[in-house]
Amino acid sequence: MNDPTSLDQQLGYRDTLPLSWVPLATPPPPEQLQQLQENNLRVLAVVAALEERHSPRGENDERVEQELERIHQKLDMLLVLFGQFLRRMDPSAPPRPVRLTSAGLSWEGGSALEGYGLLSVMLHPCMPEPFTWPARATNAGAVGEARFEPLGEALEAALEKHVFLHHRRSVAVSRPPAARSA
């Protein structure tokens, strides 16, 4: 995970996400890292479930799928509103443009983050709990990077899957309409 290449050279995606940083003098104890890992696995699983969409399987299933999609959209709306309400209660993590990879994240402008600390990023507007992990932050002019400390195998795989799916969606959205249907 401690890849010396730039985060911009790694598979990732751009988004505007609430981000917070808590400087740390020493690494968290193993018990806290274990708890963070369990929380982050749960966060990534819930985000994956929130973002999952099923496509119709057949003509008979199409009406049922349409009704389920309508219900799903209403639940999404409620969850987004609830998430917005919770974030208003804690404005300490302002949204900022970032590029997230499985190794860390980078950002342009804004406040400078330096040294070692606990990085928290809200991955989905419906999720009231952030992805939180120790990281080392550096700033080079207007660009900053925070590299995650080594993740456990399961957490690394879950984060890689999250990043890959978002990267794939961003590529699909950026392609011209004719190329999408081909």
C-alpha atoms as a PDB file:
ATOM      1  CA  MET A   1       0.000   0.000   0.000  1.00  0.00           C
ATOM      2  CA  ASN A   2       2.957   2.374   0.530  1.00  0.00           C
ATOM      3  CA  ASP A   3       3.427   2.813  -3.213  1.00  0.00           C
ATOM      4  CA  PRO A   4       5.874   5.657  -3.932  1.00  0.00           C
ATOM      5  CA  THR A   5       4.079   6.649  -7.165  1.00  0.00           C
ATOM      6  CA  SER A   6       1.850   9.705  -7.187  1.00  0.00           C
ATOM      7  CA  LEU A   7      -1.767   9.172  -6.223  1.00  0.00           C
ATOM      8  CA  ASP A   8      -2.696  10.815  -9.553  1.00  0.00           C
ATOM      9  CA  GLN A   9      -1.098   7.853 -11.356  1.00  0.00           C
ATOM     10  CA  GLN A  10      -3.274   5.331  -9.519  1.00  0.00           C
ATOM     11  CA  LEU A  11      -6.811   4.229 -10.319  1.00  0.00           C
ATOM     12  CA  GLY A  12      -9.179   6.651  -8.610  1.00  0.00           C
ATOM     13  CA  TYR A  13     -12.151   8.944  -8.984  1.00  0.00           C
ATOM     14  CA  ARG A  14     -12.930  12.609  -8.392  1.00  0.00           C
ATOM     15  CA  ASP A  15     -15.743  13.815  -6.168  1.00  0.00           C
ATOM     16  CA  THR A  16     -16.606  16.561  -3.704  1.00  0.00           C
ATOM     17  CA  LEU A  17     -16.669  14.902  -0.297  1.00  0.00           C
ATOM     18  CA  PRO A  18     -16.762  16.079   3.322  1.00  0.00           C
ATOM     19  CA  LEU A  19     -13.259  15.628   4.698  1.00  0.00           C
ATOM     20  CA  SER A  20     -11.820  16.055   8.169  1.00  0.00           C
ATOM     21  CA  TRP A  21      -8.353  15.643   9.663  1.00  0.00           C
ATOM     22  CA  VAL A  22      -7.314  15.067  13.272  1.00  0.00           C
ATOM     23  CA  PRO A  23      -3.538  15.368  13.840  1.00  0.00           C
ATOM     24  CA  LEU A  24      -2.011  12.508  15.856  1.00  0.00           C
ATOM     25  CA  ALA A  25       1.302  12.417  17.707  1.00  0.00           C
ATOM     26  CA  THR A  26       1.472   8.605  17.704  1.00  0.00           C
ATOM     27  CA  PRO A  27      -0.222   5.816  15.752  1.00  0.00           C
ATOM     28  CA  PRO A  28      -3.487   4.521  17.214  1.00  0.00           C
ATOM     29  CA  PRO A  29      -3.188   1.391  19.383  1.00  0.00           C
ATOM     30  CA  PRO A  30      -3.946  -1.980  17.715  1.00  0.00           C
ATOM     31  CA  GLU A  31      -7.385  -2.181  19.379  1.00  0.00           C
ATOM     32  CA  GLN A  32      -8.415   1.163  17.872  1.00  0.00           C
ATOM     33  CA  LEU A  33      -7.079   0.152  14.445  1.00  0.00           C
ATOM     34  CA  GLN A  34      -9.128  -3.060  14.651  1.00  0.00           C
ATOM     35  CA  GLN A  35     -12.255  -1.052  15.524  1.00  0.00           C
ATOM     36  CA  LEU A  36     -11.570   1.402  12.680  1.00  0.00           C
ATOM     37  CA  GLN A  37     -11.126  -1.502  10.279  1.00  0.00           C
ATOM     38  CA  GLU A  38     -14.450  -3.077  11.339  1.00  0.00           C
ATOM     39  CA  ASN A  39     -16.251   0.288  11.075  1.00  0.00           C
ATOM     40  CA  ASN A  40     -14.751   0.988   7.648  1.00  0.00           C
ATOM     41  CA  LEU A  41     -15.730  -2.457   6.339  1.00  0.00           C
ATOM     42  CA  ARG A  42     -19.289  -1.765   7.493  1.00  0.00           C
ATOM     43  CA  VAL A  43     -19.250   1.729   5.905  1.00  0.00           C
ATOM     44  CA  LEU A  44     -18.024   0.346   2.564  1.00  0.00           C
ATOM     45  CA  ALA A  45     -20.618  -2.485   2.649  1.00  0.00           C
ATOM     46  CA  VAL A  46     -23.469  -0.043   3.333  1.00  0.00           C
ATOM     47  CA  VAL A  47     -22.256   2.363   0.632  1.00  0.00           C
ATOM     48  CA  ALA A  48     -22.087  -0.549  -1.850  1.00  0.00           C
ATOM     49  CA  ALA A  49     -25.639  -1.573  -0.924  1.00  0.00           C
ATOM     50  CA  LEU A  50     -26.900   2.015  -1.275  1.00  0.00           C
ATOM     51  CA  GLU A  51     -25.343   2.339  -4.716  1.00  0.00           C
ATOM     52  CA  GLU A  52     -26.392  -1.073  -6.011  1.00  0.00           C
ATOM     53  CA  ARG A  53     -28.986  -1.113  -8.763  1.00  0.00           C
ATOM     54  CA  HIS A  54     -30.529  -4.174 -10.395  1.00  0.00           C
ATOM     55  CA  SER A  55     -31.585  -4.327 -14.010  1.00  0.00           C
ATOM     56  CA  PRO A  56     -34.744  -6.083 -15.189  1.00  0.00           C
ATOM     57  CA  ARG A  57     -34.312  -9.771 -16.005  1.00  0.00           C
ATOM     58  CA  GLY A  58     -37.312 -10.327 -18.253  1.00  0.00           C
ATOM     59  CA  GLU A  59     -40.532  -8.806 -19.550  1.00  0.00           C
ATOM     60  CA  ASN A  60     -42.626 -10.159 -16.666  1.00  0.00           C
ATOM     61  CA  ASP A  61     -40.178  -8.826 -14.139  1.00  0.00           C
ATOM     62  CA  GLU A  62     -40.069  -5.351 -15.691  1.00  0.00           C
ATOM     63  CA  ARG A  63     -43.151  -3.964 -13.892  1.00  0.00           C
ATOM     64  CA  VAL A  64     -41.982  -5.344 -10.555  1.00  0.00           C
ATOM     65  CA  GLU A  65     -38.511  -3.916 -11.162  1.00  0.00           C
ATOM     66  CA  GLN A  66     -39.990  -0.510 -12.041  1.00  0.00           C
ATOM     67  CA  GLU A  67     -42.046  -0.479  -8.850  1.00  0.00           C
ATOM     68  CA  LEU A  68     -39.022  -1.537  -6.789  1.00  0.00           C
ATOM     69  CA  GLU A  69     -36.952   1.182  -8.434  1.00  0.00           C
ATOM     70  CA  ARG A  70     -39.615   3.785  -7.566  1.00  0.00           C
ATOM     71  CA  ILE A  71     -39.606   2.628  -3.928  1.00  0.00           C
ATOM     72  CA  HIS A  72     -35.803   2.573  -3.945  1.00  0.00           C
ATOM     73  CA  GLN A  73     -35.714   6.189  -5.192  1.00  0.00           C
ATOM     74  CA  LYS A  74     -38.048   7.285  -2.401  1.00  0.00           C
ATOM     75  CA  LEU A  75     -35.898   5.549   0.216  1.00  0.00           C
ATOM     76  CA  ASP A  76     -32.779   7.132  -1.303  1.00  0.00           C
ATOM     77  CA  MET A  77     -34.404  10.549  -1.019  1.00  0.00           C
ATOM     78  CA  LEU A  78     -35.210   9.955   2.663  1.00  0.00           C
ATOM     79  CA  LEU A  79     -31.692   8.719   3.355  1.00  0.00           C
ATOM     80  CA  VAL A  80     -30.136  11.721   1.595  1.00  0.00           C
ATOM     81  CA  LEU A  81     -32.302  14.096   3.601  1.00  0.00           C
ATOM     82  CA  PHE A  82     -31.391  12.302   6.830  1.00  0.00           C
ATOM     83  CA  GLY A  83     -27.690  12.383   5.933  1.00  0.00           C
ATOM     84  CA  GLN A  84     -27.895  16.111   5.145  1.00  0.00           C
ATOM     85  CA  PHE A  85     -29.618  16.720   8.463  1.00  0.00           C
ATOM     86  CA  LEU A  86     -26.880  14.863  10.338  1.00  0.00           C
ATOM     87  CA  ARG A  87     -24.103  16.739   8.514  1.00  0.00           C
ATOM     88  CA  ARG A  88     -25.725  20.084   9.383  1.00  0.00           C
ATOM     89  CA  MET A  89     -25.505  19.048  13.017  1.00  0.00           C
ATOM     90  CA  ASP A  90     -21.703  18.630  12.585  1.00  0.00           C
ATOM     91  CA  PRO A  91     -20.320  21.122  10.054  1.00  0.00           C
ATOM     92  CA  SER A  92     -16.704  20.294  11.002  1.00  0.00           C
ATOM     93  CA  ALA A  93     -16.151  18.338   7.761  1.00  0.00           C
ATOM     94  CA  PRO A  94     -16.721  20.749   4.855  1.00  0.00           C
ATOM     95  CA  PRO A  95     -16.998  19.210   1.377  1.00  0.00           C
ATOM     96  CA  ARG A  96     -13.976  19.699  -0.841  1.00  0.00           C
ATOM     97  CA  PRO A  97     -12.960  18.434  -4.278  1.00  0.00           C
ATOM     98  CA  VAL A  98     -10.812  15.321  -3.843  1.00  0.00           C
ATOM     99  CA  ARG A  99      -9.471  12.411  -5.859  1.00  0.00           C
ATOM    100  CA  LEU A 100      -9.804   9.140  -3.950  1.00  0.00           C
ATOM    101  CA  THR A 101      -7.669   6.054  -4.622  1.00  0.00           C
ATOM    102  CA  SER A 102      -7.224   2.884  -2.609  1.00  0.00           C
ATOM    103  CA  ALA A 103      -3.889   4.282  -1.377  1.00  0.00           C
ATOM    104  CA  GLY A 104      -5.176   7.667  -0.192  1.00  0.00           C
ATOM    105  CA  LEU A 105      -6.585  10.892  -1.522  1.00  0.00           C
ATOM    106  CA  SER A 106      -5.391  14.141  -3.034  1.00  0.00           C
ATOM    107  CA  TRP A 107      -6.941  17.606  -3.146  1.00  0.00           C
ATOM    108  CA  GLU A 108      -6.267  21.029  -4.591  1.00  0.00           C
ATOM    109  CA  GLY A 109      -6.477  24.265  -2.651  1.00  0.00           C
ATOM    110  CA  GLY A 110      -8.176  24.646   0.662  1.00  0.00           C
ATOM    111  CA  SER A 111      -6.511  24.263   4.016  1.00  0.00           C
ATOM    112  CA  ALA A 112      -3.197  22.477   4.226  1.00  0.00           C
ATOM    113  CA  LEU A 113      -3.014  19.168   6.057  1.00  0.00           C
ATOM    114  CA  GLU A 114       0.422  18.099   7.230  1.00  0.00           C
ATOM    115  CA  GLY A 115       2.034  15.249   9.104  1.00  0.00           C
ATOM    116  CA  TYR A 116       0.401  12.200  10.622  1.00  0.00           C
ATOM    117  CA  GLY A 117      -3.263  12.070  11.503  1.00  0.00           C
ATOM    118  CA  LEU A 118      -6.658  10.455  11.295  1.00  0.00           C
ATOM    119  CA  LEU A 119      -8.352  11.166   7.951  1.00  0.00           C
ATOM    120  CA  SER A 120     -12.146  10.910   7.721  1.00  0.00           C
ATOM    121  CA  VAL A 121     -14.090  11.154   4.469  1.00  0.00           C
ATOM    122  CA  MET A 122     -17.830  10.798   3.893  1.00  0.00           C
ATOM    123  CA  LEU A 123     -18.183   8.425   0.931  1.00  0.00           C
ATOM    124  CA  HIS A 124     -21.937   8.739   0.367  1.00  0.00           C
ATOM    125  CA  PRO A 125     -24.511  11.452   1.162  1.00  0.00           C
ATOM    126  CA  CYS A 126     -26.784   8.888   2.884  1.00  0.00           C
ATOM    127  CA  MET A 127     -24.061   7.503   5.119  1.00  0.00           C
ATOM    128  CA  PRO A 128     -23.811   9.307   8.472  1.00  0.00           C
ATOM    129  CA  GLU A 129     -20.520   7.565   9.342  1.00  0.00           C
ATOM    130  CA  PRO A 130     -17.244   8.376   7.542  1.00  0.00           C
ATOM    131  CA  PHE A 131     -14.449   6.150   6.270  1.00  0.00           C
ATOM    132  CA  THR A 132     -11.681   6.862   8.806  1.00  0.00           C
ATOM    133  CA  TRP A 133      -8.055   5.691   8.717  1.00  0.00           C
ATOM    134  CA  PRO A 134      -4.584   6.915   9.790  1.00  0.00           C
ATOM    135  CA  ALA A 135      -2.710   8.698   7.008  1.00  0.00           C
ATOM    136  CA  ARG A 136       0.371  10.796   6.300  1.00  0.00           C
ATOM    137  CA  ALA A 137      -0.379  14.124   4.644  1.00  0.00           C
ATOM    138  CA  THR A 138       1.933  16.293   2.584  1.00  0.00           C
ATOM    139  CA  ASN A 139       1.413  19.506   0.630  1.00  0.00           C
ATOM    140  CA  ALA A 140       3.281  20.526  -2.501  1.00  0.00           C
ATOM    141  CA  GLY A 141       2.115  24.021  -3.287  1.00  0.00           C
ATOM    142  CA  ALA A 142      -1.599  23.995  -4.081  1.00  0.00           C
ATOM    143  CA  VAL A 143      -1.835  20.179  -4.130  1.00  0.00           C
ATOM    144  CA  GLY A 144      -2.072  17.993  -1.047  1.00  0.00           C
ATOM    145  CA  GLU A 145      -1.922  14.238  -0.605  1.00  0.00           C
ATOM    146  CA  ALA A 146      -2.841  11.981   2.277  1.00  0.00           C
ATOM    147  CA  ARG A 147      -1.599   8.396   1.995  1.00  0.00           C
ATOM    148  CA  PHE A 148      -3.350   5.778   4.076  1.00  0.00           C
ATOM    149  CA  GLU A 149      -1.272   3.758   6.473  1.00  0.00           C
ATOM    150  CA  PRO A 150      -1.324   0.041   5.547  1.00  0.00           C
ATOM    151  CA  LEU A 151      -4.863  -1.348   5.470  1.00  0.00           C
ATOM    152  CA  GLY A 152      -5.773  -4.906   6.368  1.00  0.00           C
ATOM    153  CA  GLU A 153      -6.330  -7.286   3.463  1.00  0.00           C
ATOM    154  CA  ALA A 154     -10.152  -7.244   3.667  1.00  0.00           C
ATOM    155  CA  LEU A 155     -10.326  -3.459   4.036  1.00  0.00           C
ATOM    156  CA  GLU A 156      -7.900  -2.923   1.172  1.00  0.00           C
ATOM    157  CA  ALA A 157      -9.979  -5.184  -1.104  1.00  0.00           C
ATOM    158  CA  ALA A 158     -13.248  -3.432  -0.136  1.00  0.00           C
ATOM    159  CA  LEU A 159     -11.759   0.033  -0.723  1.00  0.00           C
ATOM    160  CA  GLU A 160     -10.273  -1.062  -4.063  1.00  0.00           C
ATOM    161  CA  LYS A 161     -13.709  -2.335  -5.143  1.00  0.00           C
ATOM    162  CA  HIS A 162     -15.359   0.955  -4.089  1.00  0.00           C
ATOM    163  CA  VAL A 163     -12.768   3.012  -6.000  1.00  0.00           C
ATOM    164  CA  PHE A 164     -12.962   0.752  -9.076  1.00  0.00           C
ATOM    165  CA  LEU A 165     -16.769   0.981  -9.289  1.00  0.00           C
ATOM    166  CA  HIS A 166     -16.709   4.783  -8.962  1.00  0.00           C
ATOM    167  CA  HIS A 167     -13.879   5.063 -11.492  1.00  0.00           C
ATOM    168  CA  ARG A 168     -15.823   2.874 -13.939  1.00  0.00           C
ATOM    169  CA  ARG A 169     -18.958   5.015 -13.482  1.00  0.00           C
ATOM    170  CA  SER A 170     -17.008   8.244 -14.026  1.00  0.00           C
ATOM    171  CA  VAL A 171     -15.504   6.844 -17.236  1.00  0.00           C
ATOM    172  CA  ALA A 172     -18.948   5.733 -18.458  1.00  0.00           C
ATOM    173  CA  VAL A 173     -20.462   9.158 -17.751  1.00  0.00           C
ATOM    174  CA  SER A 174     -17.621  10.973 -19.522  1.00  0.00           C
ATOM    175  CA  ARG A 175     -17.971   8.946 -22.736  1.00  0.00           C
ATOM    176  CA  PRO A 176     -20.082  10.370 -25.577  1.00  0.00           C
ATOM    177  CA  PRO A 177     -23.661   8.957 -25.742  1.00  0.00           C
ATOM    178  CA  ALA A 178     -22.919   7.023 -28.967  1.00  0.00           C
ATOM    179  CA  ALA A 179     -19.986   5.241 -27.312  1.00  0.00           C
ATOM    180  CA  ARG A 180     -22.109   4.259 -24.266  1.00  0.00           C
ATOM    181  CA  SER A 181     -24.641   2.313 -26.319  1.00  0.00           C
ATOM    182  CA  ALA A 182     -22.013   0.513 -28.403  1.00  0.00           C
END
